[in-house]
Amino acid sequence: MSVGVSYVTGVNTWMAAYQRASSALATATSAASLLGLGYEYALSKTTALTARYERIGDGSGAGALTNFTGTPFAAVGAATDRTRMGVGLRVGF
């Protein structure tokens, strides 16, 4: 499941996204989720400053599910929750 929204107010764009993947194997059930929040400030029609925050949750310790590829699970034992942030300059051509 994947849900995303964006809201534009003048030169500001606010974004949010949520993804969840789960699977049930004969021996276990596993799930992973991603929550992303973003902001973009338009400097011109083709250039914008961007910022993004992501929280990736794998509370089941399935590990392989966090990349959302549908590959078989490989149990890693403990939960592997993590966050990441990014800032940048986007230029369109």
PDB file of N, CA and C in Angstrom:
ATOM      1  N   MET A   1       0.846  -1.163   0.000  1.00  0.00           N
ATOM      2  CA  MET A   1       0.000   0.000   0.000  1.00  0.00           C
ATOM      3  C   MET A   1       0.895   1.230   0.000  1.00  0.00           C
ATOM      4  N   SER A   2       0.528   2.203  -0.789  1.00  0.00           N
ATOM      5  CA  SER A   2       1.290   3.440  -0.858  1.00  0.00           C
ATOM      6  C   SER A   2       0.323   4.608  -1.029  1.00  0.00           C
ATOM      7  N   VAL A   3       0.485   5.657  -0.201  1.00  0.00           N
ATOM      8  CA  VAL A   3      -0.364   6.839  -0.256  1.00  0.00           C
ATOM      9  C   VAL A   3       0.537   8.061  -0.205  1.00  0.00           C
ATOM     10  N   GLY A   4       0.291   9.024  -1.084  1.00  0.00           N
ATOM     11  CA  GLY A   4       1.080  10.245  -1.081  1.00  0.00           C
ATOM     12  C   GLY A   4       0.215  11.448  -1.391  1.00  0.00           C
ATOM     13  N   VAL A   5       0.562  12.587  -0.807  1.00  0.00           N
ATOM     14  CA  VAL A   5      -0.152  13.837  -1.049  1.00  0.00           C
ATOM     15  C   VAL A   5       0.847  14.977  -1.156  1.00  0.00           C
ATOM     16  N   SER A   6       0.464  16.018  -1.883  1.00  0.00           N
ATOM     17  CA  SER A   6       1.254  17.246  -1.918  1.00  0.00           C
ATOM     18  C   SER A   6       0.285  18.419  -1.917  1.00  0.00           C
ATOM     19  N   TYR A   7       0.726  19.523  -1.336  1.00  0.00           N
ATOM     20  CA  TYR A   7      -0.101  20.718  -1.230  1.00  0.00           C
ATOM     21  C   TYR A   7       0.763  21.917  -1.603  1.00  0.00           C
ATOM     22  N   VAL A   8       0.346  22.672  -2.613  1.00  0.00           N
ATOM     23  CA  VAL A   8       1.113  23.806  -3.117  1.00  0.00           C
ATOM     24  C   VAL A   8       0.459  25.099  -2.649  1.00  0.00           C
ATOM     25  N   THR A   9       1.258  25.983  -2.047  1.00  0.00           N
ATOM     26  CA  THR A   9       0.807  27.315  -1.646  1.00  0.00           C
ATOM     27  C   THR A   9       1.841  28.315  -2.147  1.00  0.00           C
ATOM     28  N   GLY A  10       1.591  28.900  -3.303  1.00  0.00           N
ATOM     29  CA  GLY A  10       2.544  29.854  -3.876  1.00  0.00           C
ATOM     30  C   GLY A  10       3.833  29.161  -4.274  1.00  0.00           C
ATOM     31  N   VAL A  11       4.952  29.567  -3.664  1.00  0.00           N
ATOM     32  CA  VAL A  11       6.261  28.968  -3.970  1.00  0.00           C
ATOM     33  C   VAL A  11       6.576  27.796  -3.045  1.00  0.00           C
ATOM     34  N   ASN A  12       5.688  27.479  -2.117  1.00  0.00           N
ATOM     35  CA  ASN A  12       5.900  26.390  -1.158  1.00  0.00           C
ATOM     36  C   ASN A  12       5.127  25.139  -1.572  1.00  0.00           C
ATOM     37  N   THR A  13       5.777  23.977  -1.483  1.00  0.00           N
ATOM     38  CA  THR A  13       5.119  22.700  -1.724  1.00  0.00           C
ATOM     39  C   THR A  13       5.399  21.801  -0.532  1.00  0.00           C
ATOM     40  N   TRP A  14       4.337  21.308   0.097  1.00  0.00           N
ATOM     41  CA  TRP A  14       4.430  20.395   1.235  1.00  0.00           C
ATOM     42  C   TRP A  14       4.064  19.006   0.748  1.00  0.00           C
ATOM     43  N   MET A  15       4.829  17.995   1.136  1.00  0.00           N
ATOM     44  CA  MET A  15       4.588  16.630   0.672  1.00  0.00           C
ATOM     45  C   MET A  15       4.594  15.655   1.844  1.00  0.00           C
ATOM     46  N   ALA A  16       3.811  14.599   1.704  1.00  0.00           N
ATOM     47  CA  ALA A  16       3.803  13.526   2.689  1.00  0.00           C
ATOM     48  C   ALA A  16       3.525  12.220   1.951  1.00  0.00           C
ATOM     49  N   ALA A  17       4.145  11.144   2.428  1.00  0.00           N
ATOM     50  CA  ALA A  17       3.953   9.830   1.818  1.00  0.00           C
ATOM     51  C   ALA A  17       4.011   8.763   2.904  1.00  0.00           C
ATOM     52  N   TYR A  18       3.210   7.722   2.707  1.00  0.00           N
ATOM     53  CA  TYR A  18       3.224   6.576   3.621  1.00  0.00           C
ATOM     54  C   TYR A  18       3.188   5.309   2.781  1.00  0.00           C
ATOM     55  N   GLN A  19       4.069   4.374   3.079  1.00  0.00           N
ATOM     56  CA  GLN A  19       4.104   3.084   2.401  1.00  0.00           C
ATOM     57  C   GLN A  19       4.134   1.987   3.443  1.00  0.00           C
ATOM     58  N   ARG A  20       3.465   0.882   3.121  1.00  0.00           N
ATOM     59  CA  ARG A  20       3.469  -0.277   4.021  1.00  0.00           C
ATOM     60  C   ARG A  20       3.491  -1.527   3.170  1.00  0.00           C
ATOM     61  N   ALA A  21       4.346  -2.449   3.545  1.00  0.00           N
ATOM     62  CA  ALA A  21       4.432  -3.744   2.878  1.00  0.00           C
ATOM     63  C   ALA A  21       4.390  -4.821   3.948  1.00  0.00           C
ATOM     64  N   SER A  22       3.655  -5.878   3.670  1.00  0.00           N
ATOM     65  CA  SER A  22       3.584  -6.977   4.635  1.00  0.00           C
ATOM     66  C   SER A  22       3.455  -8.292   3.880  1.00  0.00           C
ATOM     67  N   SER A  23       3.813  -9.346   4.579  1.00  0.00           N
ATOM     68  CA  SER A  23       3.730 -10.675   3.997  1.00  0.00           C
ATOM     69  C   SER A  23       3.596 -11.691   5.113  1.00  0.00           C
ATOM     70  N   ALA A  24       2.908 -12.749   4.795  1.00  0.00           N
ATOM     71  CA  ALA A  24       2.757 -13.842   5.764  1.00  0.00           C
ATOM     72  C   ALA A  24       3.385 -15.096   5.164  1.00  0.00           C
ATOM     73  N   LEU A  25       4.379 -15.612   5.842  1.00  0.00           N
ATOM     74  CA  LEU A  25       5.007 -16.864   5.437  1.00  0.00           C
ATOM     75  C   LEU A  25       4.447 -17.991   6.294  1.00  0.00           C
ATOM     76  N   ALA A  26       4.794 -19.188   5.972  1.00  0.00           N
ATOM     77  CA  ALA A  26       4.302 -20.335   6.743  1.00  0.00           C
ATOM     78  C   ALA A  26       4.756 -20.272   8.195  1.00  0.00           C
ATOM     79  N   THR A  27       5.922 -19.648   8.440  1.00  0.00           N
ATOM     80  CA  THR A  27       6.471 -19.624   9.793  1.00  0.00           C
ATOM     81  C   THR A  27       6.291 -18.296  10.515  1.00  0.00           C
ATOM     82  N   ALA A  28       6.033 -17.184   9.767  1.00  0.00           N
ATOM     83  CA  ALA A  28       5.952 -15.884  10.432  1.00  0.00           C
ATOM     84  C   ALA A  28       5.248 -14.867   9.547  1.00  0.00           C
ATOM     85  N   THR A  29       4.783 -13.790  10.182  1.00  0.00           N
ATOM     86  CA  THR A  29       4.214 -12.654   9.469  1.00  0.00           C
ATOM     87  C   THR A  29       5.147 -11.474   9.690  1.00  0.00           C
ATOM     88  N   SER A  30       5.377 -10.683   8.635  1.00  0.00           N
ATOM     89  CA  SER A  30       6.312  -9.584   8.744  1.00  0.00           C
ATOM     90  C   SER A  30       5.764  -8.349   8.044  1.00  0.00           C
ATOM     91  N   ALA A  31       6.171  -7.169   8.500  1.00  0.00           N
ATOM     92  CA  ALA A  31       5.711  -5.921   7.903  1.00  0.00           C
ATOM     93  C   ALA A  31       6.775  -4.844   8.048  1.00  0.00           C
ATOM     94  N   ALA A  32       6.750  -3.899   7.116  1.00  0.00           N
ATOM     95  CA  ALA A  32       7.654  -2.750   7.166  1.00  0.00           C
ATOM     96  C   ALA A  32       6.872  -1.534   6.692  1.00  0.00           C
ATOM     97  N   SER A  33       7.287  -0.347   7.162  1.00  0.00           N
ATOM     98  CA  SER A  33       6.597   0.871   6.760  1.00  0.00           C
ATOM     99  C   SER A  33       7.594   2.005   6.560  1.00  0.00           C
ATOM    100  N   LEU A  34       7.165   2.994   5.754  1.00  0.00           N
ATOM    101  CA  LEU A  34       7.979   4.176   5.501  1.00  0.00           C
ATOM    102  C   LEU A  34       7.071   5.391   5.595  1.00  0.00           C
ATOM    103  N   LEU A  35       7.480   6.400   6.354  1.00  0.00           N
ATOM    104  CA  LEU A  35       6.777   7.672   6.445  1.00  0.00           C
ATOM    105  C   LEU A  35       7.726   8.746   5.952  1.00  0.00           C
ATOM    106  N   GLY A  36       7.329   9.481   4.933  1.00  0.00           N
ATOM    107  CA  GLY A  36       8.178  10.533   4.378  1.00  0.00           C
ATOM    108  C   GLY A  36       7.479  11.878   4.426  1.00  0.00           C
ATOM    109  N   LEU A  37       8.206  12.911   4.840  1.00  0.00           N
ATOM    110  CA  LEU A  37       7.707  14.278   4.860  1.00  0.00           C
ATOM    111  C   LEU A  37       8.677  15.139   4.063  1.00  0.00           C
ATOM    112  N   GLY A  38       8.151  16.018   3.227  1.00  0.00           N
ATOM    113  CA  GLY A  38       9.034  16.829   2.403  1.00  0.00           C
ATOM    114  C   GLY A  38       8.544  18.258   2.262  1.00  0.00           C
ATOM    115  N   TYR A  39       9.474  19.131   1.921  1.00  0.00           N
ATOM    116  CA  TYR A  39       9.178  20.544   1.688  1.00  0.00           C
ATOM    117  C   TYR A  39      10.016  21.005   0.514  1.00  0.00           C
ATOM    118  N   GLU A  40       9.417  21.825  -0.337  1.00  0.00           N
ATOM    119  CA  GLU A  40      10.125  22.356  -1.495  1.00  0.00           C
ATOM    120  C   GLU A  40       9.814  23.843  -1.629  1.00  0.00           C
ATOM    121  N   TYR A  41      10.858  24.658  -1.813  1.00  0.00           N
ATOM    122  CA  TYR A  41      10.707  26.096  -1.995  1.00  0.00           C
ATOM    123  C   TYR A  41      11.169  26.442  -3.399  1.00  0.00           C
ATOM    124  N   ALA A  42      10.255  26.908  -4.246  1.00  0.00           N
ATOM    125  CA  ALA A  42      10.578  27.210  -5.639  1.00  0.00           C
ATOM    126  C   ALA A  42      11.348  28.523  -5.740  1.00  0.00           C
ATOM    127  N   LEU A  43      12.553  28.449  -6.287  1.00  0.00           N
ATOM    128  CA  LEU A  43      13.355  29.646  -6.539  1.00  0.00           C
ATOM    129  C   LEU A  43      13.017  30.250  -7.894  1.00  0.00           C
ATOM    130  N   SER A  44      12.650  29.396  -8.861  1.00  0.00           N
ATOM    131  CA  SER A  44      12.223  29.812 -10.192  1.00  0.00           C
ATOM    132  C   SER A  44      11.353  28.699 -10.759  1.00  0.00           C
ATOM    133  N   LYS A  45      11.018  28.777 -12.052  1.00  0.00           N
ATOM    134  CA  LYS A  45      10.185  27.737 -12.659  1.00  0.00           C
ATOM    135  C   LYS A  45      10.890  26.390 -12.710  1.00  0.00           C
ATOM    136  N   THR A  46      12.218  26.385 -12.760  1.00  0.00           N
ATOM    137  CA  THR A  46      12.959  25.128 -12.917  1.00  0.00           C
ATOM    138  C   THR A  46      13.872  24.785 -11.743  1.00  0.00           C
ATOM    139  N   THR A  47      13.952  25.634 -10.734  1.00  0.00           N
ATOM    140  CA  THR A  47      14.884  25.413  -9.625  1.00  0.00           C
ATOM    141  C   THR A  47      14.147  25.510  -8.285  1.00  0.00           C
ATOM    142  N   ALA A  48      14.495  24.604  -7.367  1.00  0.00           N
ATOM    143  CA  ALA A  48      13.857  24.612  -6.050  1.00  0.00           C
ATOM    144  C   ALA A  48      14.806  24.066  -4.994  1.00  0.00           C
ATOM    145  N   LEU A  49      14.692  24.604  -3.781  1.00  0.00           N
ATOM    146  CA  LEU A  49      15.377  24.043  -2.620  1.00  0.00           C
ATOM    147  C   LEU A  49      14.467  22.967  -2.049  1.00  0.00           C
ATOM    148  N   THR A  50      15.031  21.828  -1.663  1.00  0.00           N
ATOM    149  CA  THR A  50      14.222  20.731  -1.151  1.00  0.00           C
ATOM    150  C   THR A  50      14.755  20.236   0.190  1.00  0.00           C
ATOM    151  N   ALA A  51      13.857  19.715   0.997  1.00  0.00           N
ATOM    152  CA  ALA A  51      14.217  19.072   2.267  1.00  0.00           C
ATOM    153  C   ALA A  51      13.286  17.883   2.446  1.00  0.00           C
ATOM    154  N   ARG A  52      13.827  16.787   2.994  1.00  0.00           N
ATOM    155  CA  ARG A  52      13.038  15.566   3.163  1.00  0.00           C
ATOM    156  C   ARG A  52      13.457  14.842   4.439  1.00  0.00           C
ATOM    157  N   TYR A  53      12.461  14.272   5.101  1.00  0.00           N
ATOM    158  CA  TYR A  53      12.673  13.457   6.293  1.00  0.00           C
ATOM    159  C   TYR A  53      11.961  12.135   6.062  1.00  0.00           C
ATOM    160  N   GLU A  54      12.618  11.016   6.385  1.00  0.00           N
ATOM    161  CA  GLU A  54      12.000   9.704   6.256  1.00  0.00           C
ATOM    162  C   GLU A  54      12.223   8.885   7.508  1.00  0.00           C
ATOM    163  N   ARG A  55      11.183   8.169   7.915  1.00  0.00           N
ATOM    164  CA  ARG A  55      11.282   7.223   9.017  1.00  0.00           C
ATOM    165  C   ARG A  55      10.899   5.865   8.460  1.00  0.00           C
ATOM    166  N   ILE A  56      11.817   4.932   8.526  1.00  0.00           N
ATOM    167  CA  ILE A  56      11.598   3.585   8.015  1.00  0.00           C
ATOM    168  C   ILE A  56      11.488   2.656   9.210  1.00  0.00           C
ATOM    169  N   GLY A  57      10.389   1.949   9.310  1.00  0.00           N
ATOM    170  CA  GLY A  57      10.150   1.061  10.438  1.00  0.00           C
ATOM    171  C   GLY A  57      10.061  -0.384  10.001  1.00  0.00           C
ATOM    172  N   ASP A  58      10.833  -1.213  10.644  1.00  0.00           N
ATOM    173  CA  ASP A  58      10.789  -2.660  10.402  1.00  0.00           C
ATOM    174  C   ASP A  58      10.726  -3.326  11.766  1.00  0.00           C
ATOM    175  N   GLY A  59       9.613  -3.136  12.451  1.00  0.00           N
ATOM    176  CA  GLY A  59       9.463  -3.622  13.812  1.00  0.00           C
ATOM    177  C   GLY A  59       9.540  -5.119  13.963  1.00  0.00           C
ATOM    178  N   SER A  60       9.387  -5.860  12.884  1.00  0.00           N
ATOM    179  CA  SER A  60       9.403  -7.318  12.982  1.00  0.00           C
ATOM    180  C   SER A  60      10.799  -7.886  12.837  1.00  0.00           C
ATOM    181  N   GLY A  61      11.754  -7.065  12.436  1.00  0.00           N
ATOM    182  CA  GLY A  61      13.106  -7.567  12.229  1.00  0.00           C
ATOM    183  C   GLY A  61      13.252  -8.367  10.957  1.00  0.00           C
ATOM    184  N   ALA A  62      12.375  -8.124   9.982  1.00  0.00           N
ATOM    185  CA  ALA A  62      12.425  -8.900   8.747  1.00  0.00           C
ATOM    186  C   ALA A  62      13.552  -8.459   7.834  1.00  0.00           C
ATOM    187  N   GLY A  63      14.015  -7.247   7.971  1.00  0.00           N
ATOM    188  CA  GLY A  63      15.165  -6.776   7.211  1.00  0.00           C
ATOM    189  C   GLY A  63      14.941  -6.657   5.728  1.00  0.00           C
ATOM    190  N   ALA A  64      14.717  -7.732   5.033  1.00  0.00           N
ATOM    191  CA  ALA A  64      14.618  -7.720   3.581  1.00  0.00           C
ATOM    192  C   ALA A  64      13.396  -6.954   3.083  1.00  0.00           C
ATOM    193  N   LEU A  65      12.386  -6.795   3.902  1.00  0.00           N
ATOM    194  CA  LEU A  65      11.179  -6.129   3.449  1.00  0.00           C
ATOM    195  C   LEU A  65      11.340  -4.619   3.364  1.00  0.00           C
ATOM    196  N   THR A  66      12.312  -4.012   4.014  1.00  0.00           N
ATOM    197  CA  THR A  66      12.421  -2.567   4.074  1.00  0.00           C
ATOM    198  C   THR A  66      12.698  -1.940   2.720  1.00  0.00           C
ATOM    199  N   ASN A  67      13.169  -2.692   1.745  1.00  0.00           N
ATOM    200  CA  ASN A  67      13.404  -2.107   0.429  1.00  0.00           C
ATOM    201  C   ASN A  67      12.193  -2.217  -0.475  1.00  0.00           C
ATOM    202  N   PHE A  68      11.092  -2.789  -0.007  1.00  0.00           N
ATOM    203  CA  PHE A  68       9.822  -2.872  -0.727  1.00  0.00           C
ATOM    204  C   PHE A  68       9.966  -3.561  -2.083  1.00  0.00           C
ATOM    205  N   THR A  69      10.836  -4.528  -2.201  1.00  0.00           N
ATOM    206  CA  THR A  69      11.016  -5.222  -3.468  1.00  0.00           C
ATOM    207  C   THR A  69      10.226  -6.507  -3.550  1.00  0.00           C
ATOM    208  N   GLY A  70       9.679  -6.970  -2.446  1.00  0.00           N
ATOM    209  CA  GLY A  70       8.944  -8.219  -2.455  1.00  0.00           C
ATOM    210  C   GLY A  70       9.837  -9.440  -2.414  1.00  0.00           C
ATOM    211  N   THR A  71      11.116  -9.244  -2.140  1.00  0.00           N
ATOM    212  CA  THR A  71      12.040 -10.373  -2.055  1.00  0.00           C
ATOM    213  C   THR A  71      11.736 -11.195  -0.811  1.00  0.00           C
ATOM    214  N   PRO A  72      12.131 -12.433  -0.762  1.00  0.00           N
ATOM    215  CA  PRO A  72      11.875 -13.258   0.428  1.00  0.00           C
ATOM    216  C   PRO A  72      12.494 -12.642   1.676  1.00  0.00           C
ATOM    217  N   PHE A  73      11.852 -12.868   2.798  1.00  0.00           N
ATOM    218  CA  PHE A  73      12.330 -12.327   4.066  1.00  0.00           C
ATOM    219  C   PHE A  73      13.599 -13.029   4.522  1.00  0.00           C
ATOM    220  N   ALA A  74      14.461 -12.246   5.124  1.00  0.00           N
ATOM    221  CA  ALA A  74      15.664 -12.795   5.747  1.00  0.00           C
ATOM    222  C   ALA A  74      15.704 -12.239   7.159  1.00  0.00           C
ATOM    223  N   ALA A  75      15.314 -13.005   8.131  1.00  0.00           N
ATOM    224  CA  ALA A  75      15.227 -12.527   9.511  1.00  0.00           C
ATOM    225  C   ALA A  75      16.587 -12.070  10.015  1.00  0.00           C
ATOM    226  N   VAL A  76      16.606 -10.871  10.583  1.00  0.00           N
ATOM    227  CA  VAL A  76      17.842 -10.333  11.139  1.00  0.00           C
ATOM    228  C   VAL A  76      17.788 -10.273  12.655  1.00  0.00           C
ATOM    229  N   GLY A  77      16.726 -10.749  13.248  1.00  0.00           N
ATOM    230  CA  GLY A  77      16.641 -10.815  14.699  1.00  0.00           C
ATOM    231  C   GLY A  77      15.918  -9.652  15.311  1.00  0.00           C
ATOM    232  N   ALA A  78      16.557  -8.506  15.421  1.00  0.00           N
ATOM    233  CA  ALA A  78      15.979  -7.361  16.106  1.00  0.00           C
ATOM    234  C   ALA A  78      15.345  -6.395  15.102  1.00  0.00           C
ATOM    235  N   ALA A  79      14.539  -5.488  15.630  1.00  0.00           N
ATOM    236  CA  ALA A  79      13.937  -4.458  14.786  1.00  0.00           C
ATOM    237  C   ALA A  79      15.024  -3.553  14.210  1.00  0.00           C
ATOM    238  N   THR A  80      14.786  -3.068  12.997  1.00  0.00           N
ATOM    239  CA  THR A  80      15.784  -2.235  12.323  1.00  0.00           C
ATOM    240  C   THR A  80      15.193  -0.888  11.938  1.00  0.00           C
ATOM    241  N   ASP A  81      14.554  -0.199  12.874  1.00  0.00           N
ATOM    242  CA  ASP A  81      13.987   1.118  12.614  1.00  0.00           C
ATOM    243  C   ASP A  81      15.099   2.139  12.421  1.00  0.00           C
ATOM    244  N   ARG A  82      14.880   3.095  11.490  1.00  0.00           N
ATOM    245  CA  ARG A  82      15.893   4.121  11.237  1.00  0.00           C
ATOM    246  C   ARG A  82      15.249   5.359  10.621  1.00  0.00           C
ATOM    247  N   THR A  83      15.961   6.476  10.667  1.00  0.00           N
ATOM    248  CA  THR A  83      15.507   7.722  10.057  1.00  0.00           C
ATOM    249  C   THR A  83      16.614   8.269   9.172  1.00  0.00           C
ATOM    250  N   ARG A  84      16.210   9.104   8.214  1.00  0.00           N
ATOM    251  CA  ARG A  84      17.197   9.783   7.375  1.00  0.00           C
ATOM    252  C   ARG A  84      16.615  11.113   6.929  1.00  0.00           C
ATOM    253  N   MET A  85      17.521  12.047   6.665  1.00  0.00           N
ATOM    254  CA  MET A  85      17.140  13.390   6.237  1.00  0.00           C
ATOM    255  C   MET A  85      17.992  13.781   5.048  1.00  0.00           C
ATOM    256  N   GLY A  86      17.447  14.646   4.227  1.00  0.00           N
ATOM    257  CA  GLY A  86      18.209  15.134   3.086  1.00  0.00           C
ATOM    258  C   GLY A  86      17.789  16.539   2.716  1.00  0.00           C
ATOM    259  N   VAL A  87      18.727  17.324   2.245  1.00  0.00           N
ATOM    260  CA  VAL A  87      18.456  18.665   1.715  1.00  0.00           C
ATOM    261  C   VAL A  87      19.169  18.776   0.383  1.00  0.00           C
ATOM    262  N   GLY A  88      18.645  19.596  -0.507  1.00  0.00           N
ATOM    263  CA  GLY A  88      19.293  19.715  -1.788  1.00  0.00           C
ATOM    264  C   GLY A  88      18.707  20.803  -2.654  1.00  0.00           C
ATOM    265  N   LEU A  89      19.234  20.890  -3.855  1.00  0.00           N
ATOM    266  CA  LEU A  89      18.822  21.831  -4.856  1.00  0.00           C
ATOM    267  C   LEU A  89      18.364  21.030  -6.066  1.00  0.00           C
ATOM    268  N   ARG A  90      17.117  21.210  -6.474  1.00  0.00           N
ATOM    269  CA  ARG A  90      16.578  20.495  -7.631  1.00  0.00           C
ATOM    270  C   ARG A  90      16.559  21.438  -8.820  1.00  0.00           C
ATOM    271  N   VAL A  91      17.108  20.985  -9.960  1.00  0.00           N
ATOM    272  CA  VAL A  91      17.121  21.787 -11.184  1.00  0.00           C
ATOM    273  C   VAL A  91      16.493  20.956 -12.300  1.00  0.00           C
ATOM    274  N   GLY A  92      15.457  21.475 -12.913  1.00  0.00           N
ATOM    275  CA  GLY A  92      14.804  20.809 -14.033  1.00  0.00           C
ATOM    276  C   GLY A  92      15.303  21.370 -15.349  1.00  0.00           C
ATOM    277  N   PHE A  93      15.324  20.541 -16.364  1.00  0.00           N
ATOM    278  CA  PHE A  93      15.805  20.987 -17.688  1.00  0.00           C
ATOM    279  C   PHE A  93      14.705  20.906 -18.704  1.00  0.00           C
TER     280      PHE A  93
END
